[in-house]
């Protein structure tokens, strides 16, 4: 029998400790890391030196466009009612300011080069709210959908195709009419897509996709996740890259559950209410996304 080695407490350790693997960001090739850090320094300098808020946004946008840009961004527009209560105004005012925030954020995303923006406008579950609030929201939807259809400066100048996704048949007739006018007037725009989820839940989307996949597949073949994914309401666009929720709530509330399960999708939760959400609230999200993407590309280049 082979004898066990004896233990000598005075002997030097024969094994060496393997240093921990550096974080992904520090695996980035030096030239890429230098470019990214230089961009950040220029962004900070321009922010300090420029005098007007609009010029600061323009300069910051140009700098951010130098890095990786997410192709598909989703927003859970949460906090309109709490925003209204915090200011002592009617709930309708909170929703109106929420629509104004949507226009600003949509334009910011389009300037940054985002191809698809998907927003959670109204949940199917929201029909359970007080009838007065639901009717107010439906009237506001109708008004804003018509406004978007006539807003040449935003929708048509940026070439945005607007689509309503979800259980659209549950909407009031006049709201569906406004939605149809908007989708028809923008259907030939090809530069970007705005998906308005209204009324929507992921459960409804997934069950609808399964039904469609089952109807399209031969009876002898098993339905796969790819079959289901191809029937989702967002299947014609790129996969989800970023999902942002405002108001400090850290949950998805039945929004884009399938899409957010993608391994590359990032979830971000910010404290401000949706009507207060601005371009500058997006900047740290964008910079973090770019840093991680640059680090990931660096690891690929090194075969890690």
Protein backbone atom coordinates (compact mmCIF):
# COMPACT_ATOMS: atom_id res chain seq x y z
CA UNK A 1 0.00 0.00 0.00
CA UNK A 2 1.35 3.42 -0.92
CA UNK A 3 2.19 5.49 2.16
CA UNK A 4 0.72 8.93 2.67
CA UNK A 5 3.12 11.87 2.53
CA UNK A 6 4.18 13.19 5.93
CA UNK A 7 3.18 16.69 7.02
CA UNK A 8 6.00 19.13 7.82
CA UNK A 9 4.71 22.34 9.40
CA UNK A 10 8.00 24.13 8.67
CA UNK A 11 7.95 23.36 4.97
CA UNK A 12 7.00 26.11 2.54
CA UNK A 13 3.64 25.77 0.85
CA UNK A 14 4.02 24.02 -2.47
CA UNK A 15 0.82 25.35 -3.98
CA UNK A 16 0.19 28.81 -5.27
CA UNK A 17 -3.03 30.74 -4.96
CA UNK A 18 -4.69 31.52 -8.28
CA UNK A 19 -5.50 35.22 -8.44
CA UNK A 20 -9.19 36.01 -8.88
CA UNK A 21 -10.38 36.63 -12.42
CA UNK A 22 -10.62 40.35 -13.06
CA UNK A 23 -14.08 41.84 -13.65
CA UNK A 24 -15.26 41.74 -17.29
CA UNK A 25 -14.71 45.47 -17.79
CA UNK A 26 -10.98 45.13 -17.06
CA UNK A 27 -10.59 42.38 -19.65
CA UNK A 28 -11.28 45.01 -22.30
CA UNK A 29 -8.46 45.54 -24.82
CA UNK A 30 -6.53 48.73 -23.91
CA UNK A 31 -7.45 50.65 -27.07
CA UNK A 32 -11.18 50.03 -26.56
CA UNK A 33 -11.00 50.92 -22.88
CA UNK A 34 -9.09 54.10 -23.66
CA UNK A 35 -11.64 55.13 -26.28
CA UNK A 36 -14.52 54.54 -23.89
CA UNK A 37 -12.91 56.46 -21.02
CA UNK A 38 -11.94 59.31 -23.33
CA UNK A 39 -15.56 59.55 -24.47
CA UNK A 40 -16.67 59.84 -20.86
CA UNK A 41 -14.15 62.60 -20.18
CA UNK A 42 -15.26 64.54 -23.25
CA UNK A 43 -18.90 64.10 -22.19
CA UNK A 44 -18.13 65.55 -18.75
CA UNK A 45 -16.12 68.44 -20.22
CA UNK A 46 -18.84 69.37 -22.69
CA UNK A 47 -21.45 69.22 -19.95
CA UNK A 48 -19.42 71.69 -17.88
CA UNK A 49 -18.47 74.04 -20.71
CA UNK A 50 -21.75 74.31 -22.59
CA UNK A 51 -24.28 76.80 -21.30
CA UNK A 52 -27.76 75.75 -22.42
CA UNK A 53 -29.61 72.57 -21.40
CA UNK A 54 -30.48 71.71 -25.02
CA UNK A 55 -26.86 71.99 -26.18
CA UNK A 56 -25.76 69.77 -23.30
CA UNK A 57 -28.25 67.10 -24.36
CA UNK A 58 -27.11 67.38 -28.00
CA UNK A 59 -23.43 67.03 -27.11
CA UNK A 60 -24.11 64.17 -24.71
CA UNK A 61 -26.16 62.38 -27.38
CA UNK A 62 -23.32 62.65 -29.89
CA UNK A 63 -20.86 61.20 -27.39
CA UNK A 64 -23.15 58.34 -26.38
CA UNK A 65 -23.70 57.42 -30.03
CA UNK A 66 -19.98 56.63 -30.26
CA UNK A 67 -20.48 53.55 -28.09
CA UNK A 68 -22.71 50.48 -28.48
CA UNK A 69 -26.38 51.46 -28.82
CA UNK A 70 -29.18 49.15 -27.63
CA UNK A 71 -31.46 48.26 -30.52
CA UNK A 72 -34.59 47.61 -28.46
CA UNK A 73 -35.51 49.43 -25.24
CA UNK A 74 -38.64 48.84 -23.13
CA UNK A 75 -40.16 51.16 -20.54
CA UNK A 76 -42.62 50.44 -17.74
CA UNK A 77 -44.04 53.96 -17.37
CA UNK A 78 -44.91 53.78 -13.69
CA UNK A 79 -45.72 56.48 -11.16
CA UNK A 80 -48.17 58.85 -12.88
CA UNK A 81 -50.75 58.67 -10.07
CA UNK A 82 -48.20 59.00 -7.26
CA UNK A 83 -46.61 61.91 -9.12
CA UNK A 84 -50.02 63.63 -9.24
CA UNK A 85 -50.68 62.99 -5.54
CA UNK A 86 -47.25 64.33 -4.58
CA UNK A 87 -48.13 67.60 -6.31
CA UNK A 88 -51.70 67.81 -5.13
CA UNK A 89 -53.16 67.73 -8.65
CA UNK A 90 -55.75 65.54 -10.33
CA UNK A 91 -54.77 62.09 -11.58
CA UNK A 92 -55.47 63.19 -15.17
CA UNK A 93 -52.69 65.78 -14.88
CA UNK A 94 -50.27 63.03 -13.87
CA UNK A 95 -51.22 60.97 -16.93
CA UNK A 96 -50.97 64.04 -19.20
CA UNK A 97 -47.47 64.80 -17.90
CA UNK A 98 -46.68 61.11 -18.41
CA UNK A 99 -47.53 61.42 -22.11
CA UNK A 100 -45.28 64.49 -22.37
CA UNK A 101 -42.45 62.48 -20.81
CA UNK A 102 -43.05 59.70 -23.35
CA UNK A 103 -42.61 62.11 -26.25
CA UNK A 104 -39.34 63.45 -24.78
CA UNK A 105 -37.92 60.01 -24.00
CA UNK A 106 -38.97 58.65 -27.39
CA UNK A 107 -37.18 61.50 -29.14
CA UNK A 108 -34.09 60.97 -26.98
CA UNK A 109 -34.03 57.26 -27.88
CA UNK A 110 -34.46 58.03 -31.57
CA UNK A 111 -31.60 60.55 -31.51
CA UNK A 112 -29.42 57.95 -29.80
CA UNK A 113 -30.13 55.48 -32.60
CA UNK A 114 -32.52 53.05 -30.89
CA UNK A 115 -34.50 51.05 -33.45
CA UNK A 116 -37.44 49.88 -31.31
CA UNK A 117 -39.06 51.39 -28.22
CA UNK A 118 -41.79 49.38 -26.44
CA UNK A 119 -43.81 51.09 -23.70
CA UNK A 120 -46.25 49.66 -21.17
CA UNK A 121 -49.16 52.09 -21.54
CA UNK A 122 -52.07 50.14 -20.03
CA UNK A 123 -52.38 46.71 -18.46
CA UNK A 124 -55.39 44.47 -19.02
CA UNK A 125 -55.55 44.38 -15.22
CA UNK A 126 -56.07 48.15 -15.18
CA UNK A 127 -59.62 47.65 -16.39
CA UNK A 128 -60.30 46.68 -12.76
CA UNK A 129 -59.65 50.24 -11.61
CA UNK A 130 -62.45 52.70 -10.87
CA UNK A 131 -64.66 53.23 -13.91
CA UNK A 132 -64.11 56.99 -13.82
CA UNK A 133 -60.32 56.61 -14.01
CA UNK A 134 -60.53 54.03 -16.81
CA UNK A 135 -62.81 56.30 -18.85
CA UNK A 136 -60.48 59.24 -18.26
CA UNK A 137 -57.53 57.17 -19.46
CA UNK A 138 -59.38 55.94 -22.54
CA UNK A 139 -60.32 59.51 -23.49
CA UNK A 140 -56.73 60.59 -22.95
CA UNK A 141 -55.44 57.71 -25.09
CA UNK A 142 -57.79 58.72 -27.89
CA UNK A 143 -56.64 62.34 -27.71
CA UNK A 144 -52.92 61.49 -27.61
CA UNK A 145 -53.14 58.89 -30.38
CA UNK A 146 -54.64 61.52 -32.68
CA UNK A 147 -51.95 63.98 -31.60
CA UNK A 148 -49.20 61.48 -32.45
CA UNK A 149 -50.76 60.86 -35.86
CA UNK A 150 -50.58 64.60 -36.58
CA UNK A 151 -47.17 65.21 -34.97
CA UNK A 152 -45.05 65.53 -38.10
CA UNK A 153 -42.12 66.84 -36.09
CA UNK A 154 -41.67 63.63 -34.12
CA UNK A 155 -43.26 60.53 -35.62
CA UNK A 156 -42.78 61.29 -39.30
CA UNK A 157 -39.54 63.29 -39.11
CA UNK A 158 -37.86 60.34 -37.37
CA UNK A 159 -39.63 57.77 -39.55
CA UNK A 160 -41.40 56.00 -36.68
CA UNK A 161 -43.92 53.24 -37.32
CA UNK A 162 -46.36 53.15 -34.38
CA UNK A 163 -48.01 49.86 -33.46
CA UNK A 164 -50.49 48.99 -30.73
CA UNK A 165 -49.81 45.55 -29.28
CA UNK A 166 -51.92 43.51 -26.89
CA UNK A 167 -55.65 42.82 -26.58
CA UNK A 168 -56.58 45.80 -28.75
CA UNK A 169 -60.10 44.42 -29.18
CA UNK A 170 -60.77 45.33 -25.53
CA UNK A 171 -60.42 49.06 -26.23
CA UNK A 172 -63.37 51.38 -26.78
CA UNK A 173 -64.43 51.75 -30.40
CA UNK A 174 -63.32 55.40 -30.61
CA UNK A 175 -59.89 54.54 -29.13
CA UNK A 176 -59.43 51.69 -31.64
CA UNK A 177 -60.39 54.09 -34.43
CA UNK A 178 -57.72 56.56 -33.30
CA UNK A 179 -55.19 53.71 -33.01
CA UNK A 180 -55.99 52.48 -36.51
CA UNK A 181 -55.54 55.98 -37.91
CA UNK A 182 -52.14 56.28 -36.24
CA UNK A 183 -50.88 52.86 -37.36
CA UNK A 184 -52.11 53.43 -40.93
CA UNK A 185 -50.55 56.89 -41.16
CA UNK A 186 -47.16 55.57 -39.98
CA UNK A 187 -47.10 52.09 -41.50
CA UNK A 188 -44.69 53.11 -44.27
CA UNK A 189 -42.15 54.61 -41.85
CA UNK A 190 -39.19 52.26 -41.62
CA UNK A 191 -36.48 53.94 -39.53
CA UNK A 192 -37.85 53.03 -36.09
CA UNK A 193 -40.76 51.35 -34.30
CA UNK A 194 -42.81 52.44 -31.29
CA UNK A 195 -44.76 49.56 -29.76
CA UNK A 196 -47.53 50.81 -27.47
CA UNK A 197 -48.63 47.93 -25.24
CA UNK A 198 -52.28 48.77 -24.61
CA UNK A 199 -54.03 46.84 -23.14
CA UNK A 200 -51.39 44.23 -22.49
CA UNK A 201 -50.08 41.51 -20.18
CA UNK A 202 -47.33 38.99 -20.86
CA UNK A 203 -49.67 36.15 -19.95
CA UNK A 204 -52.02 37.20 -22.73
CA UNK A 205 -49.13 37.64 -25.18
CA UNK A 206 -47.61 34.24 -24.39
CA UNK A 207 -50.88 32.32 -24.51
CA UNK A 208 -51.74 34.05 -27.79
CA UNK A 209 -48.31 33.13 -29.18
CA UNK A 210 -48.74 29.49 -28.11
CA UNK A 211 -52.14 29.33 -29.81
CA UNK A 212 -50.74 30.82 -33.00
CA UNK A 213 -47.72 28.50 -32.93
CA UNK A 214 -49.98 25.47 -32.45
CA UNK A 215 -52.16 26.52 -35.36
CA UNK A 216 -49.16 27.07 -37.62
CA UNK A 217 -47.23 23.89 -36.73
CA UNK A 218 -47.95 20.48 -38.27
CA UNK A 219 -49.85 18.19 -35.90
CA UNK A 220 -46.95 15.74 -35.91
CA UNK A 221 -44.36 18.23 -34.70
CA UNK A 222 -43.64 19.40 -31.17
CA UNK A 223 -43.93 23.15 -30.59
CA UNK A 224 -40.61 24.69 -29.58
CA UNK A 225 -39.68 27.90 -27.78
CA UNK A 226 -38.54 29.25 -31.13
CA UNK A 227 -42.04 28.68 -32.52
CA UNK A 228 -43.55 30.58 -29.61
CA UNK A 229 -40.99 33.37 -29.81
CA UNK A 230 -41.74 33.90 -33.49
CA UNK A 231 -45.40 34.57 -32.65
CA UNK A 232 -44.85 37.20 -29.94
CA UNK A 233 -46.20 40.69 -30.53
CA UNK A 234 -42.61 42.02 -30.76
CA UNK A 235 -41.22 39.20 -32.92
CA UNK A 236 -40.69 41.34 -36.04
CA UNK A 237 -38.10 43.52 -34.28
CA UNK A 238 -34.74 42.96 -32.56
CA UNK A 239 -34.53 41.25 -29.19
CA UNK A 240 -34.92 43.29 -26.03
CA UNK A 241 -31.69 44.90 -24.80
CA UNK A 242 -32.82 47.19 -21.98
CA UNK A 243 -35.94 47.25 -19.81
CA UNK A 244 -36.39 50.29 -17.57
CA UNK A 245 -39.01 50.74 -14.85
CA UNK A 246 -39.58 54.05 -13.09
CA UNK A 247 -41.02 54.94 -9.64
CA UNK A 248 -38.77 52.69 -7.57
CA UNK A 249 -40.85 49.52 -7.92
CA UNK A 250 -38.65 46.46 -8.52
CA UNK A 251 -41.04 44.19 -10.41
CA UNK A 252 -42.08 43.63 -14.03
CA UNK A 253 -45.87 43.65 -13.51
CA UNK A 254 -46.50 41.11 -16.27
CA UNK A 255 -44.61 43.08 -18.95
CA UNK A 256 -42.33 41.47 -21.55
CA UNK A 257 -41.59 38.45 -19.35
CA UNK A 258 -40.57 36.28 -22.29
CA UNK A 259 -38.41 38.98 -23.89
CA UNK A 260 -36.67 39.98 -20.65
CA UNK A 261 -35.65 36.34 -20.04
CA UNK A 262 -33.07 36.71 -22.84
CA UNK A 263 -29.57 36.31 -21.38
CA UNK A 264 -28.44 39.69 -22.77
CA UNK A 265 -31.46 41.72 -21.61
CA UNK A 266 -30.67 44.18 -18.81
CA UNK A 267 -33.24 45.31 -16.23
CA UNK A 268 -32.99 48.74 -14.61
CA UNK A 269 -35.15 50.21 -11.84
CA UNK A 270 -34.99 53.95 -11.17
CA UNK A 271 -36.50 55.94 -8.31
CA UNK A 272 -38.10 58.86 -10.17
CA UNK A 273 -41.74 58.83 -11.26
CA UNK A 274 -42.32 58.46 -14.99
CA UNK A 275 -43.39 62.10 -15.61
CA UNK A 276 -40.07 63.19 -14.07
CA UNK A 277 -37.93 60.71 -16.02
CA UNK A 278 -35.55 62.59 -18.30
CA UNK A 279 -32.65 62.16 -20.68
CA UNK A 280 -30.21 62.63 -17.80
CA UNK A 281 -31.82 59.75 -15.91
CA UNK A 282 -31.07 57.60 -18.96
CA UNK A 283 -27.39 58.56 -19.19
CA UNK A 284 -26.06 56.31 -16.36
CA UNK A 285 -28.14 53.42 -17.73
CA UNK A 286 -26.66 54.00 -21.19
CA UNK A 287 -23.07 54.34 -19.94
CA UNK A 288 -23.36 51.17 -17.86
CA UNK A 289 -24.80 49.28 -20.82
CA UNK A 290 -21.97 50.47 -23.06
CA UNK A 291 -19.28 49.57 -20.52
CA UNK A 292 -20.63 46.03 -20.20
CA UNK A 293 -20.93 45.64 -23.98
CA UNK A 294 -17.39 46.90 -24.55
CA UNK A 295 -16.13 44.49 -21.88
CA UNK A 296 -18.05 41.60 -23.45
CA UNK A 297 -16.62 42.33 -26.89
CA UNK A 298 -13.16 42.49 -25.36
CA UNK A 299 -13.57 39.05 -23.81
CA UNK A 300 -14.74 37.66 -27.14
CA UNK A 301 -11.67 39.09 -28.84
CA UNK A 302 -9.41 37.36 -26.32
CA UNK A 303 -11.31 34.08 -26.62
CA UNK A 304 -12.57 34.20 -23.01
